Amino acid sequence: MAQQHLDPTDPMAKAVTGEALAGYLRAQATEFLRALRLHRETGSAPANGAEESVDAARALRHSARRISGSLHTFRPLLDATWSEEMRPELAWLSGTLGLEHACESRLERLLLALHRLSGSTAVPAQSVPAALVVDPAAGSRAAGAARVGAALENSGGPARRTVAPERGNLTVGAAKAGALLERQLTLARTRAHSTALQALGSSRFHAVADKVAVLASEVPLTPAAPTTGLRPLAAAAEERLTDAVAVLPLITAGHPYNAQALVHGLSPDPSPHPQDGPWHQVRLLLRLHRYAREVLCEGDAPVDVRLLAAGQALNRHRDASEAAAAAAQAARTPRIAPATAYALGVLHADQRHEVEAARFAFQQAWQKQTVSAP
């Protein structure tokens, strides 16, 4: 058997030990503490403070995910008790801080899709943020819903187009469907905002922050970790990703229409779509693989165009899947008008087609050869 030699010019080929893992974790813990300080400074600031607070919360999630992912991939090199206590707490924090943004982006996605499907004149680019802007004080976008609803019903002016009867029926229900989605998702966003504020002020969060502060200076490695190579554990993470992708129905994803995926949308069962679970799992495994690459390159991993495109496709898949579920949930609202239910049904089907398009994009990206950008 021929012996394999490492390419000294390849940053992914050099020997890496537990010392590199310790350095990466310290760097991410420092970023976490910096984002936390920025969030506390901007949380009550006026004017641009709201935007900076959102950026700080995003940075908190960014660091928390990387620390948690590294603890998962390289757990044999870390103190077992400490690692098992930290991982679920970091996952809780990241998930809690991400709920508000998820509700906001989901509402924006659905309102824009309704506008597109109703056949109205395209919304000018500068008017979209005004229609969907979040008032930090009121926590509501009722005014935005009114403007979007008016645009859905009246395209107005000499540029108004004559729509087909079925498109006209969709337009009739689109405004009410948008208002219903606005109410439901704004309520969910408000609750997520309150939950995030409570979480950031809780003793549970302060305990996590204290542990991260200790991590910034002292990483609890096992005695053998400083001299143990990281590549076998990183390779195992990549293998788990490859195995998960291998069971995905990539052949089905290559077809333009997946009728089986739409059948579930007609069911009264509110459980998650059965086809989506494996794709969501691949997305999480791809993220762990990316974080492992960052550790091996000490935080300066070269951009893998193939992984980047695949990750973007899976993010679109997740967003479309959750948007379709929100449309289906709204359609189950009792005593809504038939036109509203029709518009929500069309919206659900549109988002499920977006899911299929994202799967096809992932298939195309994953089957390409690996290309790294300088």
Protein backbone atom coordinates (compact mmCIF):
# COMPACT_ATOMS: atom_id res chain seq x y z
CA MET A 1 0.00 0.00 0.00
CA ALA A 2 1.39 3.39 -1.00
CA GLN A 3 2.10 5.76 1.85
CA GLN A 4 0.13 9.01 1.78
CA HIS A 5 2.13 12.19 2.38
CA LEU A 6 0.73 15.48 3.58
CA ASP A 7 1.00 18.47 1.28
CA PRO A 8 2.87 21.15 3.27
CA THR A 9 1.20 23.91 1.24
CA ASP A 10 -2.30 22.71 2.13
CA PRO A 11 -3.61 24.40 5.32
CA MET A 12 -5.95 21.45 5.82
CA ALA A 13 -3.10 18.94 5.75
CA LYS A 14 -0.81 20.10 8.57
CA ALA A 15 -0.79 18.30 11.91
CA VAL A 16 -3.21 19.78 14.43
CA THR A 17 -3.48 18.82 18.09
CA GLY A 18 -5.66 19.66 21.05
CA GLU A 19 -3.75 22.90 21.58
CA ALA A 20 -5.41 24.25 18.43
CA LEU A 21 -8.82 23.26 19.81
CA ALA A 22 -8.06 25.11 23.04
CA GLY A 23 -7.06 28.22 21.09
CA TYR A 24 -10.22 28.08 18.98
CA LEU A 25 -12.47 27.70 22.01
CA ARG A 26 -10.75 30.58 23.80
CA ALA A 27 -11.21 32.79 20.73
CA GLN A 28 -14.91 31.94 20.45
CA ALA A 29 -15.43 32.48 24.17
CA THR A 30 -13.81 35.91 23.84
CA GLU A 31 -16.13 36.74 20.93
CA PHE A 32 -19.09 35.61 23.04
CA LEU A 33 -18.11 37.91 25.91
CA ARG A 34 -17.50 40.82 23.53
CA ALA A 35 -20.95 40.35 21.96
CA LEU A 36 -22.53 40.09 25.40
CA ARG A 37 -20.94 43.36 26.48
CA LEU A 38 -22.12 45.06 23.28
CA HIS A 39 -25.64 43.71 23.79
CA ARG A 40 -25.78 45.09 27.33
CA GLU A 41 -24.50 48.47 26.16
CA THR A 42 -26.96 48.79 23.27
CA GLY A 43 -29.97 47.03 24.76
CA SER A 44 -31.44 50.24 26.19
CA ALA A 45 -29.81 52.71 23.79
CA PRO A 46 -32.06 54.85 21.56
CA ALA A 47 -31.84 55.38 17.79
CA ASN A 48 -29.35 52.90 16.33
CA GLY A 49 -29.21 50.92 19.55
CA ALA A 50 -31.90 48.50 18.38
CA GLU A 51 -29.97 47.54 15.24
CA GLU A 52 -26.73 47.17 17.18
CA SER A 53 -28.52 45.05 19.77
CA VAL A 54 -29.74 42.73 16.99
CA ASP A 55 -26.18 42.44 15.65
CA ALA A 56 -24.92 41.67 19.15
CA ALA A 57 -27.54 38.94 19.63
CA ARG A 58 -26.54 37.46 16.26
CA ALA A 59 -22.89 37.46 17.34
CA LEU A 60 -23.86 35.73 20.59
CA ARG A 61 -25.61 32.97 18.64
CA HIS A 62 -22.67 32.77 16.24
CA SER A 63 -20.17 32.10 19.04
CA ALA A 64 -22.51 29.86 21.05
CA ARG A 65 -23.10 27.59 18.03
CA ARG A 66 -19.37 27.27 17.34
CA ILE A 67 -18.49 26.48 20.92
CA SER A 68 -21.31 23.93 21.17
CA GLY A 69 -20.43 22.36 17.82
CA SER A 70 -16.77 22.03 18.75
CA LEU A 71 -17.67 20.46 22.09
CA HIS A 72 -19.76 17.90 20.19
CA THR A 73 -17.17 17.01 17.54
CA PHE A 74 -14.12 16.95 19.81
CA ARG A 75 -15.76 15.78 23.04
CA PRO A 76 -13.24 12.90 23.62
CA LEU A 77 -10.55 15.56 24.17
CA LEU A 78 -12.54 17.58 26.71
CA ASP A 79 -13.64 17.02 30.28
CA ALA A 80 -16.75 14.87 29.83
CA THR A 81 -18.82 16.27 32.70
CA TRP A 82 -18.11 19.89 31.82
CA SER A 83 -18.77 19.33 28.12
CA GLU A 84 -22.09 17.54 28.68
CA GLU A 85 -23.26 20.37 30.93
CA MET A 86 -22.24 23.14 28.52
CA ARG A 87 -23.56 21.80 25.22
CA PRO A 88 -27.32 21.77 25.98
CA GLU A 89 -27.08 25.18 27.68
CA LEU A 90 -25.41 26.74 24.65
CA ALA A 91 -27.98 25.11 22.35
CA TRP A 92 -30.78 26.52 24.52
CA LEU A 93 -29.29 30.00 24.38
CA SER A 94 -28.73 29.95 20.62
CA GLY A 95 -32.23 28.65 19.94
CA THR A 96 -33.90 31.14 22.27
CA LEU A 97 -32.08 34.13 20.77
CA GLY A 98 -32.88 33.01 17.22
CA LEU A 99 -36.66 32.66 17.58
CA GLU A 100 -37.50 36.35 17.21
CA HIS A 101 -35.46 36.78 14.06
CA ALA A 102 -36.95 33.58 12.62
CA CYS A 103 -40.51 34.86 13.12
CA GLU A 104 -39.65 38.22 11.58
CA SER A 105 -37.97 36.77 8.47
CA ARG A 106 -40.74 34.17 8.07
CA LEU A 107 -43.41 36.87 8.04
CA GLU A 108 -41.48 38.94 5.53
CA ARG A 109 -41.00 35.90 3.29
CA LEU A 110 -44.69 34.99 3.36
CA LEU A 111 -45.96 38.52 2.75
CA LEU A 112 -43.65 38.97 -0.22
CA ALA A 113 -44.68 35.57 -1.62
CA LEU A 114 -48.36 36.52 -1.26
CA HIS A 115 -47.70 39.77 -3.10
CA ARG A 116 -45.91 37.93 -5.90
CA LEU A 117 -48.56 35.23 -6.22
CA SER A 118 -51.44 37.71 -6.26
CA GLY A 119 -50.08 39.28 -9.45
CA SER A 120 -49.97 42.83 -8.14
CA THR A 121 -47.49 45.37 -9.41
CA ALA A 122 -44.09 44.69 -7.93
CA VAL A 123 -43.36 46.50 -4.69
CA PRO A 124 -40.66 49.17 -5.17
CA ALA A 125 -37.42 48.15 -3.55
CA GLN A 126 -37.36 51.11 -1.18
CA SER A 127 -40.88 50.41 0.10
CA VAL A 128 -40.30 46.85 1.29
CA PRO A 129 -38.45 47.72 4.50
CA ALA A 130 -41.03 50.39 5.31
CA ALA A 131 -43.85 47.88 4.95
CA LEU A 132 -42.13 45.25 7.02
CA VAL A 133 -40.18 47.36 9.51
CA VAL A 134 -40.38 46.37 13.17
CA ASP A 135 -41.15 49.12 15.66
CA PRO A 136 -38.85 48.32 18.62
CA ALA A 137 -41.14 50.17 21.03
CA ALA A 138 -44.47 48.73 19.94
CA GLY A 139 -43.21 45.37 18.77
CA SER A 140 -45.88 45.36 16.05
CA ARG A 141 -46.11 45.62 12.30
CA ALA A 142 -49.83 46.29 11.97
CA ALA A 143 -49.18 49.38 9.86
CA GLY A 144 -46.96 47.34 7.57
CA ALA A 145 -49.71 44.76 7.18
CA ALA A 146 -52.17 47.47 6.22
CA ARG A 147 -49.86 48.80 3.54
CA VAL A 148 -49.09 45.34 2.17
CA GLY A 149 -52.78 44.41 2.25
CA ALA A 150 -53.66 47.56 0.34
CA ALA A 151 -51.01 46.77 -2.25
CA LEU A 152 -52.40 43.26 -2.63
CA GLU A 153 -55.94 44.47 -3.28
CA ASN A 154 -55.24 47.62 -5.32
CA SER A 155 -52.33 47.89 -7.66
CA GLY A 156 -53.88 51.21 -8.79
CA GLY A 157 -52.89 53.68 -11.51
CA PRO A 158 -52.61 53.24 -15.26
CA ALA A 159 -50.15 50.37 -14.78
CA ARG A 160 -52.81 48.15 -13.21
CA ARG A 161 -53.05 44.79 -14.97
CA THR A 162 -56.05 42.65 -15.77
CA VAL A 163 -55.67 39.35 -13.97
CA ALA A 164 -57.15 35.98 -14.77
CA PRO A 165 -60.19 34.87 -12.72
CA GLU A 166 -58.20 32.44 -10.60
CA ARG A 167 -55.53 35.10 -9.98
CA GLY A 168 -58.31 37.52 -9.06
CA ASN A 169 -59.69 35.04 -6.53
CA LEU A 170 -56.24 34.76 -5.03
CA THR A 171 -55.94 38.54 -4.79
CA VAL A 172 -59.27 38.75 -2.94
CA GLY A 173 -58.08 36.38 -0.22
CA ALA A 174 -54.43 37.47 -0.19
CA ALA A 175 -55.02 40.62 1.87
CA LYS A 176 -56.95 38.71 4.55
CA ALA A 177 -54.42 35.89 4.46
CA GLY A 178 -51.63 38.42 4.93
CA ALA A 179 -53.45 40.03 7.84
CA LEU A 180 -53.98 36.63 9.46
CA LEU A 181 -50.32 35.71 9.07
CA GLU A 182 -49.40 39.14 10.39
CA ARG A 183 -51.40 38.61 13.56
CA GLN A 184 -50.14 35.09 14.20
CA LEU A 185 -46.46 35.67 13.45
CA THR A 186 -46.31 39.06 15.15
CA LEU A 187 -47.77 37.45 18.27
CA ALA A 188 -45.17 34.68 18.00
CA ARG A 189 -42.41 37.25 17.50
CA THR A 190 -43.55 39.27 20.52
CA ARG A 191 -43.55 36.15 22.67
CA ALA A 192 -40.10 35.19 21.36
CA HIS A 193 -38.82 38.68 22.17
CA SER A 194 -40.15 38.45 25.72
CA THR A 195 -38.69 34.96 26.12
CA ALA A 196 -35.28 36.17 24.93
CA LEU A 197 -35.31 39.10 27.37
CA GLN A 198 -36.29 36.79 30.22
CA ALA A 199 -33.58 34.33 29.22
CA LEU A 200 -30.86 37.00 29.13
CA GLY A 201 -31.84 38.10 32.63
CA SER A 202 -32.15 34.62 34.10
CA SER A 203 -29.80 32.88 36.47
CA ARG A 204 -29.50 30.11 33.89
CA PHE A 205 -27.99 32.51 31.36
CA HIS A 206 -25.66 34.06 33.92
CA ALA A 207 -24.39 30.59 34.77
CA VAL A 208 -23.66 29.97 31.07
CA ALA A 209 -21.92 33.36 30.76
CA ASP A 210 -19.78 32.59 33.81
CA LYS A 211 -18.68 29.27 32.31
CA VAL A 212 -17.86 30.92 28.99
CA ALA A 213 -15.83 33.56 30.86
CA VAL A 214 -13.79 30.78 32.46
CA LEU A 215 -13.45 29.10 29.06
CA ALA A 216 -11.88 32.27 27.64
CA SER A 217 -8.87 31.69 29.87
CA GLU A 218 -8.92 27.99 30.74
CA VAL A 219 -10.05 25.13 28.50
CA PRO A 220 -10.72 21.84 30.35
CA LEU A 221 -8.80 19.50 28.06
CA THR A 222 -8.06 15.91 28.98
CA PRO A 223 -4.42 15.14 29.94
CA ALA A 224 -3.73 13.52 26.56
CA ALA A 225 -5.46 16.19 24.45
CA PRO A 226 -2.49 18.58 23.93
CA THR A 227 -0.64 15.90 21.97
CA THR A 228 -3.63 14.17 20.35
CA GLY A 229 -4.38 14.86 16.71
CA LEU A 230 -7.73 16.38 15.79
CA ARG A 231 -8.00 15.06 12.23
CA PRO A 232 -9.55 11.65 13.08
CA LEU A 233 -12.39 13.34 14.98
CA ALA A 234 -12.88 15.91 12.22
CA ALA A 235 -12.89 13.12 9.65
CA ALA A 236 -15.55 11.29 11.67
CA ALA A 237 -17.73 14.43 11.55
CA GLU A 238 -17.29 14.60 7.79
CA GLU A 239 -18.13 10.91 7.49
CA ARG A 240 -21.36 11.38 9.45
CA LEU A 241 -22.27 14.16 7.03
CA THR A 242 -21.48 12.01 4.00
CA ASP A 243 -23.52 9.10 5.34
CA ALA A 244 -26.49 11.38 6.03
CA VAL A 245 -26.35 12.83 2.52
CA ALA A 246 -26.16 9.33 1.06
CA VAL A 247 -29.64 8.47 2.37
CA LEU A 248 -31.25 11.65 1.03
CA PRO A 249 -33.55 11.20 -1.99
CA LEU A 250 -31.29 13.19 -4.29
CA ILE A 251 -32.82 11.51 -7.35
CA THR A 252 -36.25 12.76 -6.29
CA ALA A 253 -34.73 16.19 -5.69
CA GLY A 254 -33.67 16.20 -9.31
CA HIS A 255 -37.26 16.09 -10.54
CA PRO A 256 -39.19 19.34 -10.97
CA TYR A 257 -42.27 18.07 -9.12
CA ASN A 258 -42.54 15.99 -5.99
CA ALA A 259 -46.24 15.19 -5.58
CA GLN A 260 -45.62 13.09 -2.48
CA ALA A 261 -44.25 16.16 -0.70
CA LEU A 262 -47.43 18.14 -1.37
CA VAL A 263 -49.85 15.42 -0.24
CA HIS A 264 -48.82 15.91 3.39
CA GLY A 265 -49.75 19.59 3.15
CA LEU A 266 -53.39 18.65 2.65
CA SER A 267 -53.44 16.61 5.84
CA PRO A 268 -54.97 18.04 9.04
CA ASP A 269 -51.97 16.65 10.93
CA PRO A 270 -49.95 19.65 12.23
CA SER A 271 -46.78 17.60 12.76
CA PRO A 272 -43.62 18.57 10.82
CA HIS A 273 -43.36 17.42 7.23
CA PRO A 274 -41.99 13.85 7.23
CA GLN A 275 -39.66 14.47 4.28
CA ASP A 276 -37.95 17.47 5.85
CA GLY A 277 -36.33 15.84 8.91
CA PRO A 278 -33.38 14.18 7.13
CA TRP A 279 -32.61 17.42 5.27
CA HIS A 280 -32.62 19.43 8.49
CA GLN A 281 -30.28 16.85 10.01
CA VAL A 282 -27.89 17.18 7.06
CA ARG A 283 -27.91 20.93 7.56
CA LEU A 284 -26.82 20.51 11.19
CA LEU A 285 -24.13 17.98 10.25
CA LEU A 286 -22.83 20.29 7.52
CA ARG A 287 -22.54 23.05 10.10
CA LEU A 288 -20.56 20.77 12.43
CA HIS A 289 -18.27 19.84 9.54
CA ARG A 290 -17.66 23.52 8.76
CA TYR A 291 -16.84 24.27 12.39
CA ALA A 292 -14.44 21.31 12.51
CA ARG A 293 -12.66 22.74 9.45
CA GLU A 294 -12.35 26.07 11.26
CA VAL A 295 -10.72 24.34 14.23
CA LEU A 296 -8.24 22.51 12.00
CA CYS A 297 -7.27 25.80 10.35
CA GLU A 298 -7.24 27.65 13.70
CA GLY A 299 -10.21 29.82 12.73
CA ASP A 300 -8.90 30.70 9.25
CA ALA A 301 -10.31 27.92 7.08
CA PRO A 302 -10.26 28.53 3.29
CA VAL A 303 -13.69 29.01 1.77
CA ASP A 304 -14.97 25.77 0.25
CA VAL A 305 -17.31 26.93 -2.52
CA ARG A 306 -19.05 23.57 -2.62
CA LEU A 307 -19.83 23.58 1.11
CA LEU A 308 -20.85 27.23 0.97
CA ALA A 309 -23.37 26.65 -1.84
CA ALA A 310 -24.69 23.49 -0.17
CA GLY A 311 -25.15 25.31 3.13
CA GLN A 312 -26.99 28.19 1.48
CA ALA A 313 -29.32 25.74 -0.27
CA LEU A 314 -30.08 23.99 3.03
CA ASN A 315 -30.76 27.33 4.72
CA ARG A 316 -33.26 28.15 1.97
CA HIS A 317 -34.77 24.71 2.45
CA ARG A 318 -35.24 25.32 6.16
CA ASP A 319 -36.74 28.77 5.63
CA ALA A 320 -39.20 27.55 2.98
CA SER A 321 -40.18 24.51 5.04
CA GLU A 322 -40.93 26.62 8.11
CA ALA A 323 -42.80 29.19 6.02
CA ALA A 324 -44.95 26.45 4.48
CA ALA A 325 -45.72 25.11 7.96
CA ALA A 326 -46.75 28.61 9.08
CA ALA A 327 -49.08 28.95 6.07
CA ALA A 328 -50.60 25.53 6.79
CA GLN A 329 -51.07 26.45 10.44
CA ALA A 330 -52.84 29.67 9.47
CA ALA A 331 -55.08 27.74 7.07
CA ARG A 332 -56.25 25.59 10.00
CA THR A 333 -57.67 28.67 11.73
CA PRO A 334 -61.40 28.07 12.37
CA ARG A 335 -64.06 30.02 10.48
CA ILE A 336 -61.84 31.76 7.95
CA ALA A 337 -63.32 32.79 4.60
CA PRO A 338 -62.95 30.39 1.65
CA ALA A 339 -60.95 32.98 -0.32
CA THR A 340 -58.53 33.32 2.60
CA ALA A 341 -58.13 29.56 2.89
CA TYR A 342 -57.57 29.35 -0.87
CA ALA A 343 -54.84 32.01 -0.75
CA LEU A 344 -53.13 30.23 2.14
CA GLY A 345 -53.32 26.93 0.26
CA VAL A 346 -51.66 28.47 -2.79
CA LEU A 347 -49.05 30.05 -0.53
CA HIS A 348 -48.35 26.70 1.14
CA ALA A 349 -47.91 24.97 -2.22
CA ASP A 350 -45.61 27.77 -3.38
CA GLN A 351 -43.37 27.37 -0.36
CA ARG A 352 -43.27 23.60 -0.75
CA HIS A 353 -42.12 24.15 -4.33
CA GLU A 354 -39.43 26.44 -2.90
CA VAL A 355 -38.43 23.51 -0.69
CA GLU A 356 -38.07 21.31 -3.77
CA ALA A 357 -36.05 24.00 -5.55
CA ALA A 358 -33.68 24.23 -2.57
CA ARG A 359 -33.24 20.45 -2.56
CA PHE A 360 -32.41 20.51 -6.25
CA ALA A 361 -29.89 23.34 -5.64
CA PHE A 362 -28.28 21.28 -2.86
CA GLN A 363 -28.06 18.27 -5.16
CA GLN A 364 -26.32 20.34 -7.82
CA ALA A 365 -23.91 21.89 -5.31
CA TRP A 366 -23.07 18.66 -3.50
CA GLN A 367 -22.28 16.68 -6.63
CA LYS A 368 -19.70 19.22 -7.79
CA GLN A 369 -16.02 18.74 -7.15
CA THR A 370 -14.60 20.51 -4.11
CA VAL A 371 -13.30 23.97 -5.00
CA SER A 372 -11.61 26.21 -2.44
CA ALA A 373 -11.49 29.96 -2.86
CA PRO A 374 -8.23 31.71 -1.92
